[in-house]
Amino acid sequence: MQTKSQTGARTVDGYLLAPFPWYGLDEAFTGPRWLMQVGAGADGTVEHGSVGHGDEPSVRSEATLDRERFAVVVTVASSPLRDSADGTGMLEATSVSSAAWLAGVGLLTFTWPGQLDHTLRDDWLDQQTEAAWVLADDLDGADWTSLSLPVNGVPVPFHYRESEFGWVLAGSTQEGVHLGAYGRGLSAYGLGFAEIKDIASYA
C-alpha cells in the first residue's frame, strides 16, 4: 500500500476528510482514547489512519515494555486496483493484508530492542518492516491463527499473531473497510470494535 504523506497528527482535521467510517474499541473499553495520524495518497485522499486506546506508547527499551497497556486500531479504506491520480501508474488495491502490514509496522515503531544502540535501530527497523510485509502477505500461513471478535456487535473473523513485542490482528468489516490492530499489555482476546460516531471525541 503506497502512502505519500502522513498528515493530521494529533488533530481531527485529517480524520474528518476521510470518505469512510473510522473504527475504535467499543464502549466496553473505558480508558483514555487519542488520535494518532492519517495517511493520504498522492491526490490528498485519506486512505487510512489510526486511533489509540490506553497508555500512549513511546519508543522504549525492552525493560519497560511490560508496563505499557495500549491498543491501536487501524482503519483502511477498501480500494480496488486503480489508476494513479496523475495517470502515470497504478495504485495497489487494499486488502486485509494492507491492514495487517500497517498494524505490524505500527507496533514496530514503538519497539526498541534493548541490545541495539541508536545507529543499529534503523537497520533493525528496515529488516523488521520487510518481515512484517512478508507476514502480512501470507495470512493463511503458520504464523497466524484465527480469532473471532465483535465489530459493531457482530462476530467477525480476524487473523492474529503474537511476537515478543506485542500482538497484531487484521480483518474486514461488513461496512467495507479493513481493520488492523496492535498492542501490548491488553489482551486481544477481550477486545471488541465499533464504528466511531464522533471522531472528535478522541482529540
N, C-alpha and C. Protein backbone atom coordinates (compact mmCIF):
# COMPACT_ATOMS: atom_id res chain seq x y z
N MET A 1 0.85 -1.19 0.00
CA MET A 1 0.00 0.00 0.00
C MET A 1 0.88 1.23 0.00
N GLN A 2 0.65 2.14 -0.92
CA GLN A 2 1.51 3.29 -1.06
C GLN A 2 0.90 4.49 -0.36
N THR A 3 1.72 5.13 0.44
CA THR A 3 1.28 6.33 1.13
C THR A 3 2.32 7.41 0.90
N LYS A 4 1.87 8.53 0.40
CA LYS A 4 2.82 9.60 0.09
C LYS A 4 3.14 10.43 1.32
N SER A 5 2.15 10.65 2.16
CA SER A 5 2.38 11.55 3.28
C SER A 5 1.59 11.12 4.50
N GLN A 6 2.05 11.52 5.63
CA GLN A 6 1.35 11.32 6.88
C GLN A 6 0.88 12.69 7.35
N THR A 7 -0.43 12.87 7.53
CA THR A 7 -0.95 14.18 7.88
C THR A 7 -1.93 14.06 9.02
N GLY A 8 -2.25 15.19 9.62
CA GLY A 8 -3.30 15.20 10.62
C GLY A 8 -2.89 14.68 11.98
N ALA A 9 -1.56 14.59 12.25
CA ALA A 9 -1.12 14.07 13.53
C ALA A 9 -1.68 14.93 14.66
N ARG A 10 -2.37 14.26 15.60
CA ARG A 10 -2.87 14.91 16.80
C ARG A 10 -4.00 15.89 16.55
N THR A 11 -4.45 16.07 15.32
CA THR A 11 -5.59 16.92 15.06
C THR A 11 -6.67 16.09 14.38
N VAL A 12 -7.90 16.56 14.49
CA VAL A 12 -9.01 15.78 13.94
C VAL A 12 -9.25 16.10 12.47
N ASP A 13 -8.61 17.14 11.95
CA ASP A 13 -8.91 17.62 10.60
C ASP A 13 -8.79 16.53 9.54
N GLY A 14 -7.68 15.81 9.55
CA GLY A 14 -7.48 14.78 8.54
C GLY A 14 -8.51 13.66 8.63
N TYR A 15 -8.89 13.33 9.83
CA TYR A 15 -9.89 12.26 10.02
C TYR A 15 -11.24 12.66 9.43
N LEU A 16 -11.57 13.94 9.55
CA LEU A 16 -12.87 14.41 9.06
C LEU A 16 -12.95 14.39 7.54
N LEU A 17 -11.81 14.34 6.86
CA LEU A 17 -11.78 14.31 5.40
C LEU A 17 -11.94 12.90 4.84
N ALA A 18 -11.90 11.90 5.68
CA ALA A 18 -11.95 10.52 5.20
C ALA A 18 -13.31 10.18 4.61
N PRO A 19 -13.34 9.49 3.47
CA PRO A 19 -14.61 9.09 2.85
C PRO A 19 -15.12 7.75 3.37
N PHE A 20 -14.65 7.33 4.53
CA PHE A 20 -15.04 6.05 5.11
C PHE A 20 -15.17 6.21 6.62
N PRO A 21 -15.87 5.31 7.30
CA PRO A 21 -16.01 5.42 8.75
C PRO A 21 -14.76 4.98 9.49
N TRP A 22 -14.52 5.59 10.64
CA TRP A 22 -13.40 5.19 11.49
C TRP A 22 -13.87 4.19 12.55
N TYR A 23 -12.95 3.34 12.97
CA TYR A 23 -13.26 2.34 13.99
C TYR A 23 -12.30 2.45 15.15
N GLY A 24 -12.82 2.13 16.34
CA GLY A 24 -12.01 2.07 17.54
C GLY A 24 -12.50 0.94 18.41
N LEU A 25 -12.01 0.86 19.63
CA LEU A 25 -12.53 -0.14 20.56
C LEU A 25 -13.95 0.24 20.96
N ASP A 26 -14.76 -0.75 21.26
CA ASP A 26 -16.16 -0.47 21.61
C ASP A 26 -16.26 0.09 23.02
N GLU A 27 -17.50 0.33 23.48
CA GLU A 27 -17.73 1.03 24.74
C GLU A 27 -17.31 0.21 25.96
N ALA A 28 -17.00 -1.06 25.77
CA ALA A 28 -16.52 -1.87 26.90
C ALA A 28 -15.17 -1.36 27.39
N PHE A 29 -14.41 -0.70 26.52
CA PHE A 29 -13.14 -0.10 26.91
C PHE A 29 -13.41 1.28 27.49
N THR A 30 -13.01 1.50 28.73
CA THR A 30 -13.34 2.76 29.42
C THR A 30 -12.12 3.65 29.67
N GLY A 31 -10.96 3.26 29.10
CA GLY A 31 -9.75 4.05 29.33
C GLY A 31 -9.61 5.22 28.37
N PRO A 32 -8.44 5.89 28.40
CA PRO A 32 -8.20 7.04 27.51
C PRO A 32 -8.23 6.63 26.05
N ARG A 33 -8.65 7.59 25.21
CA ARG A 33 -8.66 7.41 23.75
C ARG A 33 -7.98 8.62 23.14
N TRP A 34 -7.22 8.42 22.07
CA TRP A 34 -6.45 9.52 21.50
C TRP A 34 -6.21 9.31 20.01
N LEU A 35 -6.08 10.43 19.30
CA LEU A 35 -5.79 10.41 17.87
C LEU A 35 -4.31 10.13 17.63
N MET A 36 -4.02 9.53 16.49
CA MET A 36 -2.63 9.34 16.09
C MET A 36 -2.38 10.11 14.79
N GLN A 37 -2.53 9.45 13.64
CA GLN A 37 -2.35 10.17 12.38
C GLN A 37 -3.06 9.45 11.26
N VAL A 38 -3.26 10.18 10.16
CA VAL A 38 -3.87 9.59 8.97
C VAL A 38 -2.84 9.54 7.86
N GLY A 39 -3.08 8.65 6.90
CA GLY A 39 -2.22 8.55 5.74
C GLY A 39 -3.01 8.90 4.50
N ALA A 40 -2.45 9.78 3.65
CA ALA A 40 -3.14 10.23 2.44
C ALA A 40 -2.36 9.82 1.21
N GLY A 41 -3.07 9.60 0.12
CA GLY A 41 -2.45 9.27 -1.15
C GLY A 41 -1.92 10.50 -1.86
N ALA A 42 -1.40 10.29 -3.06
CA ALA A 42 -0.79 11.38 -3.82
C ALA A 42 -1.78 12.49 -4.14
N ASP A 43 -3.07 12.13 -4.26
CA ASP A 43 -4.07 13.15 -4.58
C ASP A 43 -4.69 13.78 -3.34
N GLY A 44 -4.15 13.43 -2.16
CA GLY A 44 -4.65 14.01 -0.92
C GLY A 44 -5.79 13.26 -0.28
N THR A 45 -6.28 12.21 -0.93
CA THR A 45 -7.39 11.42 -0.37
C THR A 45 -6.91 10.61 0.82
N VAL A 46 -7.62 10.72 1.93
CA VAL A 46 -7.27 9.94 3.12
C VAL A 46 -7.53 8.46 2.85
N GLU A 47 -6.54 7.63 3.08
CA GLU A 47 -6.64 6.20 2.78
C GLU A 47 -6.67 5.32 4.03
N HIS A 48 -6.06 5.78 5.10
CA HIS A 48 -6.04 5.00 6.34
C HIS A 48 -5.66 5.90 7.50
N GLY A 49 -5.83 5.40 8.70
CA GLY A 49 -5.45 6.15 9.88
C GLY A 49 -5.59 5.30 11.12
N SER A 50 -5.07 5.82 12.23
CA SER A 50 -5.03 5.06 13.48
C SER A 50 -5.55 5.88 14.64
N VAL A 51 -6.15 5.19 15.60
CA VAL A 51 -6.55 5.81 16.86
C VAL A 51 -6.07 4.91 17.99
N GLY A 52 -5.71 5.53 19.12
CA GLY A 52 -5.13 4.79 20.22
C GLY A 52 -6.03 4.69 21.44
N HIS A 53 -5.74 3.70 22.25
CA HIS A 53 -6.52 3.44 23.47
C HIS A 53 -5.56 3.00 24.58
N GLY A 54 -5.74 3.58 25.77
CA GLY A 54 -4.91 3.20 26.90
C GLY A 54 -3.73 4.13 27.07
N ASP A 55 -2.58 3.57 27.47
CA ASP A 55 -1.36 4.37 27.64
C ASP A 55 -0.84 4.79 26.28
N GLU A 56 -0.41 6.04 26.16
CA GLU A 56 0.21 6.47 24.91
C GLU A 56 1.63 5.92 24.87
N PRO A 57 1.91 5.01 23.92
CA PRO A 57 3.24 4.38 23.91
C PRO A 57 4.30 5.31 23.36
N SER A 58 5.52 5.07 23.75
CA SER A 58 6.66 5.75 23.18
C SER A 58 7.71 4.68 22.92
N VAL A 59 8.71 5.02 22.14
CA VAL A 59 9.76 4.04 21.86
C VAL A 59 10.58 3.87 23.13
N ARG A 60 10.52 2.68 23.68
CA ARG A 60 11.19 2.43 24.95
C ARG A 60 12.00 1.14 24.88
N SER A 61 12.83 0.95 25.87
CA SER A 61 13.63 -0.28 25.90
C SER A 61 12.76 -1.46 26.32
N GLU A 62 13.29 -2.65 26.11
CA GLU A 62 12.55 -3.85 26.46
C GLU A 62 12.21 -3.90 27.95
N ALA A 63 13.00 -3.22 28.76
CA ALA A 63 12.76 -3.24 30.20
C ALA A 63 11.45 -2.59 30.59
N THR A 64 10.94 -1.71 29.72
CA THR A 64 9.70 -1.00 30.04
C THR A 64 8.50 -1.51 29.25
N LEU A 65 8.69 -2.48 28.35
CA LEU A 65 7.60 -2.92 27.50
C LEU A 65 6.44 -3.47 28.30
N ASP A 66 6.73 -4.20 29.38
CA ASP A 66 5.68 -4.85 30.15
C ASP A 66 4.80 -3.84 30.89
N ARG A 67 5.25 -2.60 31.01
CA ARG A 67 4.49 -1.61 31.75
C ARG A 67 3.45 -0.91 30.88
N GLU A 68 3.56 -1.06 29.57
CA GLU A 68 2.64 -0.38 28.67
C GLU A 68 1.38 -1.20 28.47
N ARG A 69 0.26 -0.50 28.46
CA ARG A 69 -1.04 -1.14 28.20
C ARG A 69 -1.77 -0.28 27.18
N PHE A 70 -1.73 -0.72 25.93
CA PHE A 70 -2.36 0.07 24.89
C PHE A 70 -2.83 -0.84 23.75
N ALA A 71 -3.79 -0.31 22.99
CA ALA A 71 -4.25 -0.95 21.77
C ALA A 71 -4.51 0.15 20.74
N VAL A 72 -3.99 -0.04 19.55
CA VAL A 72 -4.19 0.90 18.45
C VAL A 72 -5.02 0.23 17.37
N VAL A 73 -6.05 0.92 16.89
CA VAL A 73 -6.91 0.39 15.83
C VAL A 73 -6.63 1.16 14.55
N VAL A 74 -6.35 0.42 13.49
CA VAL A 74 -6.05 0.99 12.17
C VAL A 74 -7.24 0.73 11.25
N THR A 75 -7.79 1.79 10.65
CA THR A 75 -8.86 1.66 9.66
C THR A 75 -8.29 1.92 8.28
N VAL A 76 -8.55 1.02 7.34
CA VAL A 76 -8.02 1.13 5.98
C VAL A 76 -9.19 1.13 4.99
N ALA A 77 -9.26 2.15 4.13
CA ALA A 77 -10.31 2.20 3.11
C ALA A 77 -10.16 1.03 2.16
N SER A 78 -11.28 0.43 1.80
CA SER A 78 -11.27 -0.65 0.82
C SER A 78 -11.22 -0.04 -0.57
N SER A 79 -10.14 -0.32 -1.32
CA SER A 79 -9.98 0.28 -2.65
C SER A 79 -9.52 -0.78 -3.64
N PRO A 80 -10.05 -0.75 -4.87
CA PRO A 80 -9.61 -1.69 -5.90
C PRO A 80 -8.32 -1.21 -6.55
N LEU A 81 -7.73 -2.07 -7.36
CA LEU A 81 -6.61 -1.64 -8.20
C LEU A 81 -7.11 -0.51 -9.09
N ARG A 82 -6.35 0.61 -9.15
CA ARG A 82 -6.87 1.78 -9.85
C ARG A 82 -5.72 2.62 -10.39
N ASP A 83 -6.06 3.50 -11.34
CA ASP A 83 -5.07 4.41 -11.90
C ASP A 83 -4.66 5.45 -10.87
N SER A 84 -3.42 5.85 -10.90
CA SER A 84 -2.96 6.92 -10.02
C SER A 84 -3.56 8.24 -10.47
N ALA A 85 -3.58 9.21 -9.57
CA ALA A 85 -4.22 10.49 -9.87
C ALA A 85 -3.54 11.21 -11.03
N ASP A 86 -2.23 11.03 -11.17
CA ASP A 86 -1.52 11.73 -12.25
C ASP A 86 -1.46 10.91 -13.54
N GLY A 87 -2.08 9.71 -13.52
CA GLY A 87 -2.14 8.90 -14.72
C GLY A 87 -0.86 8.21 -15.11
N THR A 88 0.13 8.21 -14.21
CA THR A 88 1.44 7.64 -14.55
C THR A 88 1.61 6.20 -14.11
N GLY A 89 0.63 5.64 -13.44
CA GLY A 89 0.79 4.26 -12.98
C GLY A 89 -0.47 3.75 -12.33
N MET A 90 -0.32 2.64 -11.63
CA MET A 90 -1.44 2.01 -10.95
C MET A 90 -1.22 2.03 -9.45
N LEU A 91 -2.30 2.23 -8.70
CA LEU A 91 -2.25 2.15 -7.25
C LEU A 91 -2.74 0.77 -6.82
N GLU A 92 -2.04 0.18 -5.87
CA GLU A 92 -2.39 -1.15 -5.42
C GLU A 92 -3.76 -1.18 -4.76
N ALA A 93 -4.44 -2.29 -4.91
CA ALA A 93 -5.69 -2.50 -4.18
C ALA A 93 -5.37 -2.71 -2.71
N THR A 94 -6.28 -2.30 -1.84
CA THR A 94 -6.11 -2.57 -0.41
C THR A 94 -6.84 -3.86 -0.05
N SER A 95 -6.38 -4.47 1.01
CA SER A 95 -6.94 -5.75 1.44
C SER A 95 -6.70 -5.92 2.93
N VAL A 96 -7.09 -7.06 3.46
CA VAL A 96 -6.79 -7.36 4.86
C VAL A 96 -5.28 -7.34 5.08
N SER A 97 -4.52 -7.76 4.07
CA SER A 97 -3.06 -7.74 4.19
C SER A 97 -2.53 -6.32 4.39
N SER A 98 -3.18 -5.34 3.75
CA SER A 98 -2.78 -3.94 3.94
C SER A 98 -2.93 -3.55 5.40
N ALA A 99 -4.05 -3.92 6.01
CA ALA A 99 -4.29 -3.61 7.41
C ALA A 99 -3.30 -4.34 8.31
N ALA A 100 -3.00 -5.60 7.97
CA ALA A 100 -2.05 -6.38 8.77
C ALA A 100 -0.67 -5.77 8.72
N TRP A 101 -0.27 -5.29 7.54
CA TRP A 101 1.06 -4.69 7.40
C TRP A 101 1.15 -3.37 8.16
N LEU A 102 0.14 -2.52 8.01
CA LEU A 102 0.15 -1.25 8.73
C LEU A 102 0.18 -1.46 10.24
N ALA A 103 -0.56 -2.46 10.71
CA ALA A 103 -0.56 -2.75 12.14
C ALA A 103 0.79 -3.29 12.59
N GLY A 104 1.38 -4.18 11.78
CA GLY A 104 2.68 -4.73 12.13
C GLY A 104 3.76 -3.68 12.20
N VAL A 105 3.76 -2.77 11.24
CA VAL A 105 4.74 -1.68 11.23
C VAL A 105 4.47 -0.71 12.37
N GLY A 106 3.18 -0.49 12.66
CA GLY A 106 2.84 0.38 13.77
C GLY A 106 3.41 -0.11 15.09
N LEU A 107 3.31 -1.40 15.32
CA LEU A 107 3.86 -1.97 16.55
C LEU A 107 5.37 -1.78 16.60
N LEU A 108 6.03 -1.94 15.46
CA LEU A 108 7.49 -1.81 15.42
C LEU A 108 7.94 -0.39 15.76
N THR A 109 7.14 0.61 15.39
CA THR A 109 7.56 1.99 15.64
C THR A 109 7.64 2.31 17.12
N PHE A 110 7.00 1.50 17.95
CA PHE A 110 7.06 1.72 19.40
C PHE A 110 7.87 0.62 20.08
N THR A 111 8.84 0.08 19.36
CA THR A 111 9.63 -1.04 19.87
C THR A 111 11.12 -0.72 19.73
N TRP A 112 11.84 -0.96 20.80
CA TRP A 112 13.28 -0.74 20.76
C TRP A 112 13.98 -1.90 21.47
N PRO A 113 14.49 -2.87 20.71
CA PRO A 113 15.20 -4.00 21.35
C PRO A 113 16.36 -3.49 22.18
N GLY A 114 16.45 -3.98 23.40
CA GLY A 114 17.44 -3.47 24.34
C GLY A 114 18.88 -3.64 23.92
N GLN A 115 19.14 -4.64 23.04
CA GLN A 115 20.52 -4.89 22.66
C GLN A 115 21.03 -3.97 21.56
N LEU A 116 20.16 -3.11 21.03
CA LEU A 116 20.55 -2.25 19.92
C LEU A 116 20.83 -0.82 20.38
N ASP A 117 21.83 -0.20 19.76
CA ASP A 117 22.05 1.22 20.01
C ASP A 117 21.36 2.02 18.90
N HIS A 118 21.43 3.32 18.98
CA HIS A 118 20.71 4.18 18.03
C HIS A 118 21.13 3.92 16.59
N THR A 119 22.41 3.67 16.36
CA THR A 119 22.90 3.53 15.00
C THR A 119 22.42 2.24 14.34
N LEU A 120 22.09 1.25 15.13
CA LEU A 120 21.66 -0.03 14.58
C LEU A 120 20.15 -0.16 14.47
N ARG A 121 19.40 0.70 15.18
CA ARG A 121 17.95 0.52 15.20
C ARG A 121 17.33 0.72 13.82
N ASP A 122 17.85 1.66 13.02
CA ASP A 122 17.28 1.89 11.70
C ASP A 122 17.39 0.64 10.83
N ASP A 123 18.56 -0.02 10.90
CA ASP A 123 18.74 -1.26 10.14
C ASP A 123 17.78 -2.33 10.63
N TRP A 124 17.64 -2.43 11.94
CA TRP A 124 16.72 -3.41 12.52
C TRP A 124 15.29 -3.12 12.08
N LEU A 125 14.91 -1.84 12.09
CA LEU A 125 13.55 -1.45 11.72
C LEU A 125 13.28 -1.78 10.25
N ASP A 126 14.26 -1.54 9.39
CA ASP A 126 14.10 -1.88 7.97
C ASP A 126 13.88 -3.38 7.80
N GLN A 127 14.67 -4.17 8.49
CA GLN A 127 14.55 -5.63 8.38
C GLN A 127 13.20 -6.10 8.90
N GLN A 128 12.78 -5.55 10.03
CA GLN A 128 11.52 -5.98 10.64
C GLN A 128 10.31 -5.51 9.82
N THR A 129 10.43 -4.33 9.19
CA THR A 129 9.36 -3.84 8.34
C THR A 129 9.17 -4.76 7.14
N GLU A 130 10.27 -5.21 6.56
CA GLU A 130 10.19 -6.16 5.44
C GLU A 130 9.58 -7.47 5.91
N ALA A 131 9.97 -7.91 7.11
CA ALA A 131 9.41 -9.15 7.66
C ALA A 131 7.91 -9.00 7.91
N ALA A 132 7.49 -7.82 8.36
CA ALA A 132 6.07 -7.58 8.61
C ALA A 132 5.28 -7.67 7.31
N TRP A 133 5.87 -7.19 6.21
CA TRP A 133 5.18 -7.28 4.93
C TRP A 133 5.06 -8.73 4.47
N VAL A 134 6.13 -9.49 4.63
CA VAL A 134 6.10 -10.91 4.25
C VAL A 134 5.03 -11.65 5.05
N LEU A 135 4.95 -11.37 6.34
CA LEU A 135 3.93 -11.99 7.19
C LEU A 135 2.52 -11.58 6.76
N ALA A 136 2.35 -10.28 6.47
CA ALA A 136 1.03 -9.78 6.09
C ALA A 136 0.57 -10.35 4.75
N ASP A 137 1.53 -10.73 3.92
CA ASP A 137 1.20 -11.27 2.60
C ASP A 137 0.88 -12.76 2.65
N ASP A 138 0.97 -13.34 3.84
CA ASP A 138 0.72 -14.78 3.99
C ASP A 138 -0.16 -15.01 5.21
N LEU A 139 -1.37 -14.45 5.16
CA LEU A 139 -2.27 -14.51 6.31
C LEU A 139 -2.77 -15.92 6.61
N ASP A 140 -2.64 -16.82 5.64
CA ASP A 140 -3.04 -18.20 5.87
C ASP A 140 -1.87 -19.07 6.34
N GLY A 141 -0.73 -18.44 6.56
CA GLY A 141 0.45 -19.18 6.96
C GLY A 141 0.44 -19.56 8.43
N ALA A 142 1.47 -20.30 8.82
CA ALA A 142 1.54 -20.85 10.17
C ALA A 142 1.76 -19.80 11.24
N ASP A 143 2.20 -18.59 10.86
CA ASP A 143 2.45 -17.54 11.86
C ASP A 143 1.16 -16.90 12.37
N TRP A 144 0.04 -17.17 11.68
CA TRP A 144 -1.23 -16.54 12.04
C TRP A 144 -2.21 -17.58 12.56
N THR A 145 -3.04 -17.17 13.50
CA THR A 145 -4.14 -18.01 13.97
C THR A 145 -5.45 -17.25 13.74
N SER A 146 -6.56 -17.92 13.91
CA SER A 146 -7.86 -17.29 13.72
C SER A 146 -8.45 -16.86 15.05
N LEU A 147 -9.12 -15.73 15.02
CA LEU A 147 -9.71 -15.16 16.23
C LEU A 147 -11.00 -14.46 15.83
N SER A 148 -12.08 -14.70 16.54
CA SER A 148 -13.35 -14.04 16.26
C SER A 148 -13.60 -12.97 17.30
N LEU A 149 -13.81 -11.73 16.84
CA LEU A 149 -14.06 -10.61 17.73
C LEU A 149 -15.26 -9.82 17.22
N PRO A 150 -16.02 -9.19 18.13
CA PRO A 150 -17.19 -8.42 17.68
C PRO A 150 -16.81 -7.09 17.03
N VAL A 151 -17.48 -6.80 15.93
CA VAL A 151 -17.39 -5.49 15.27
C VAL A 151 -18.82 -4.97 15.15
N ASN A 152 -19.10 -3.88 15.82
CA ASN A 152 -20.48 -3.38 15.92
C ASN A 152 -21.42 -4.47 16.43
N GLY A 153 -20.91 -5.31 17.33
CA GLY A 153 -21.72 -6.34 17.95
C GLY A 153 -21.85 -7.62 17.17
N VAL A 154 -21.27 -7.68 15.96
CA VAL A 154 -21.36 -8.88 15.12
C VAL A 154 -20.01 -9.59 15.09
N PRO A 155 -19.95 -10.90 15.37
CA PRO A 155 -18.68 -11.62 15.34
C PRO A 155 -18.03 -11.57 13.95
N VAL A 156 -16.76 -11.23 13.91
CA VAL A 156 -16.01 -11.12 12.65
C VAL A 156 -14.71 -11.90 12.80
N PRO A 157 -14.33 -12.69 11.79
CA PRO A 157 -13.06 -13.43 11.87
C PRO A 157 -11.86 -12.51 11.64
N PHE A 158 -10.84 -12.69 12.45
CA PHE A 158 -9.60 -11.93 12.32
C PHE A 158 -8.43 -12.89 12.22
N HIS A 159 -7.37 -12.42 11.57
CA HIS A 159 -6.08 -13.10 11.59
C HIS A 159 -5.29 -12.50 12.75
N TYR A 160 -4.61 -13.33 13.53
CA TYR A 160 -3.98 -12.88 14.76
C TYR A 160 -2.60 -13.51 14.90
N ARG A 161 -1.64 -12.72 15.36
CA ARG A 161 -0.32 -13.27 15.68
C ARG A 161 0.29 -12.51 16.85
N GLU A 162 1.13 -13.20 17.57
CA GLU A 162 1.85 -12.60 18.69
C GLU A 162 3.35 -12.61 18.40
N SER A 163 4.05 -11.65 18.98
CA SER A 163 5.51 -11.62 18.91
C SER A 163 6.03 -11.20 20.28
N GLU A 164 7.32 -11.15 20.41
CA GLU A 164 7.90 -10.74 21.70
C GLU A 164 7.61 -9.28 22.01
N PHE A 165 7.15 -8.52 21.01
CA PHE A 165 6.93 -7.10 21.20
C PHE A 165 5.46 -6.74 21.39
N GLY A 166 4.55 -7.69 21.16
CA GLY A 166 3.13 -7.41 21.27
C GLY A 166 2.34 -8.29 20.32
N TRP A 167 1.12 -7.87 20.00
CA TRP A 167 0.27 -8.65 19.11
C TRP A 167 -0.25 -7.79 17.97
N VAL A 168 -0.63 -8.47 16.90
CA VAL A 168 -1.17 -7.82 15.70
C VAL A 168 -2.36 -8.64 15.23
N LEU A 169 -3.41 -7.96 14.76
CA LEU A 169 -4.53 -8.67 14.15
C LEU A 169 -5.09 -7.85 13.00
N ALA A 170 -5.84 -8.54 12.12
CA ALA A 170 -6.41 -7.86 10.95
C ALA A 170 -7.63 -8.61 10.46
N GLY A 171 -8.62 -7.85 9.97
CA GLY A 171 -9.84 -8.43 9.42
C GLY A 171 -10.58 -7.38 8.60
N SER A 172 -11.78 -7.70 8.16
CA SER A 172 -12.59 -6.78 7.36
C SER A 172 -13.96 -6.62 7.99
N THR A 173 -14.57 -5.46 7.79
CA THR A 173 -15.89 -5.20 8.33
C THR A 173 -16.95 -5.36 7.25
N GLN A 174 -18.19 -5.47 7.68
CA GLN A 174 -19.29 -5.52 6.73
C GLN A 174 -19.52 -4.17 6.05
N GLU A 175 -18.95 -3.12 6.63
CA GLU A 175 -19.12 -1.78 6.07
C GLU A 175 -18.08 -1.48 5.00
N GLY A 176 -17.25 -2.46 4.65
CA GLY A 176 -16.34 -2.29 3.53
C GLY A 176 -15.01 -1.65 3.85
N VAL A 177 -14.58 -1.64 5.09
CA VAL A 177 -13.24 -1.19 5.43
C VAL A 177 -12.49 -2.35 6.07
N HIS A 178 -11.17 -2.27 5.99
CA HIS A 178 -10.32 -3.28 6.62
C HIS A 178 -9.83 -2.73 7.96
N LEU A 179 -9.76 -3.60 8.95
CA LEU A 179 -9.31 -3.20 10.28
C LEU A 179 -8.03 -3.93 10.63
N GLY A 180 -7.09 -3.18 11.17
CA GLY A 180 -5.90 -3.75 11.77
C GLY A 180 -5.84 -3.27 13.21
N ALA A 181 -5.11 -3.97 14.04
CA ALA A 181 -4.92 -3.52 15.41
C ALA A 181 -3.62 -4.09 15.94
N TYR A 182 -3.02 -3.38 16.87
CA TYR A 182 -1.82 -3.89 17.54
C TYR A 182 -1.79 -3.34 18.96
N GLY A 183 -1.06 -4.02 19.81
CA GLY A 183 -1.00 -3.55 21.19
C GLY A 183 -0.07 -4.36 22.06
N ARG A 184 0.02 -3.91 23.30
CA ARG A 184 0.79 -4.58 24.35
C ARG A 184 0.05 -4.37 25.66
N GLY A 185 0.11 -5.37 26.52
CA GLY A 185 -0.43 -5.22 27.86
C GLY A 185 -1.92 -5.43 27.97
N LEU A 186 -2.65 -5.28 26.89
CA LEU A 186 -4.08 -5.56 26.84
C LEU A 186 -4.29 -6.82 26.00
N SER A 187 -5.07 -7.75 26.49
CA SER A 187 -5.31 -8.98 25.75
C SER A 187 -6.20 -8.72 24.55
N ALA A 188 -5.75 -9.16 23.39
CA ALA A 188 -6.56 -9.00 22.18
C ALA A 188 -7.84 -9.82 22.25
N TYR A 189 -7.82 -10.89 23.02
CA TYR A 189 -8.97 -11.79 23.07
C TYR A 189 -10.20 -11.15 23.72
N GLY A 190 -10.00 -10.11 24.49
CA GLY A 190 -11.13 -9.47 25.15
C GLY A 190 -11.61 -8.19 24.49
N LEU A 191 -11.10 -7.90 23.29
CA LEU A 191 -11.43 -6.64 22.64
C LEU A 191 -12.67 -6.75 21.75
N GLY A 192 -13.31 -5.62 21.54
CA GLY A 192 -14.40 -5.50 20.58
C GLY A 192 -14.23 -4.17 19.87
N PHE A 193 -14.72 -4.09 18.64
CA PHE A 193 -14.56 -2.90 17.83
C PHE A 193 -15.92 -2.30 17.48
N ALA A 194 -15.94 -1.01 17.23
CA ALA A 194 -17.19 -0.35 16.87
C ALA A 194 -16.88 0.88 16.04
N GLU A 195 -17.80 1.24 15.16
CA GLU A 195 -17.66 2.46 14.39
C GLU A 195 -17.68 3.65 15.34
N ILE A 196 -16.76 4.59 15.12
CA ILE A 196 -16.67 5.77 15.97
C ILE A 196 -17.71 6.79 15.49
N LYS A 197 -18.64 7.12 16.35
CA LYS A 197 -19.70 8.04 15.98
C LYS A 197 -19.22 9.49 15.91
N ASP A 198 -18.27 9.84 16.78
CA ASP A 198 -17.76 11.21 16.82
C ASP A 198 -16.25 11.15 16.98
N ILE A 199 -15.52 11.22 15.86
CA ILE A 199 -14.07 11.10 15.92
C ILE A 199 -13.45 12.23 16.74
N ALA A 200 -14.13 13.37 16.84
CA ALA A 200 -13.61 14.50 17.62
C ALA A 200 -13.50 14.15 19.10
N SER A 201 -14.22 13.13 19.54
CA SER A 201 -14.16 12.73 20.96
C SER A 201 -12.79 12.15 21.30
N TYR A 202 -12.00 11.77 20.30
CA TYR A 202 -10.66 11.24 20.54
C TYR A 202 -9.62 12.36 20.64
N ALA A 203 -9.97 13.56 20.23
CA ALA A 203 -9.00 14.66 20.19
C ALA A 203 -8.66 15.13 21.59
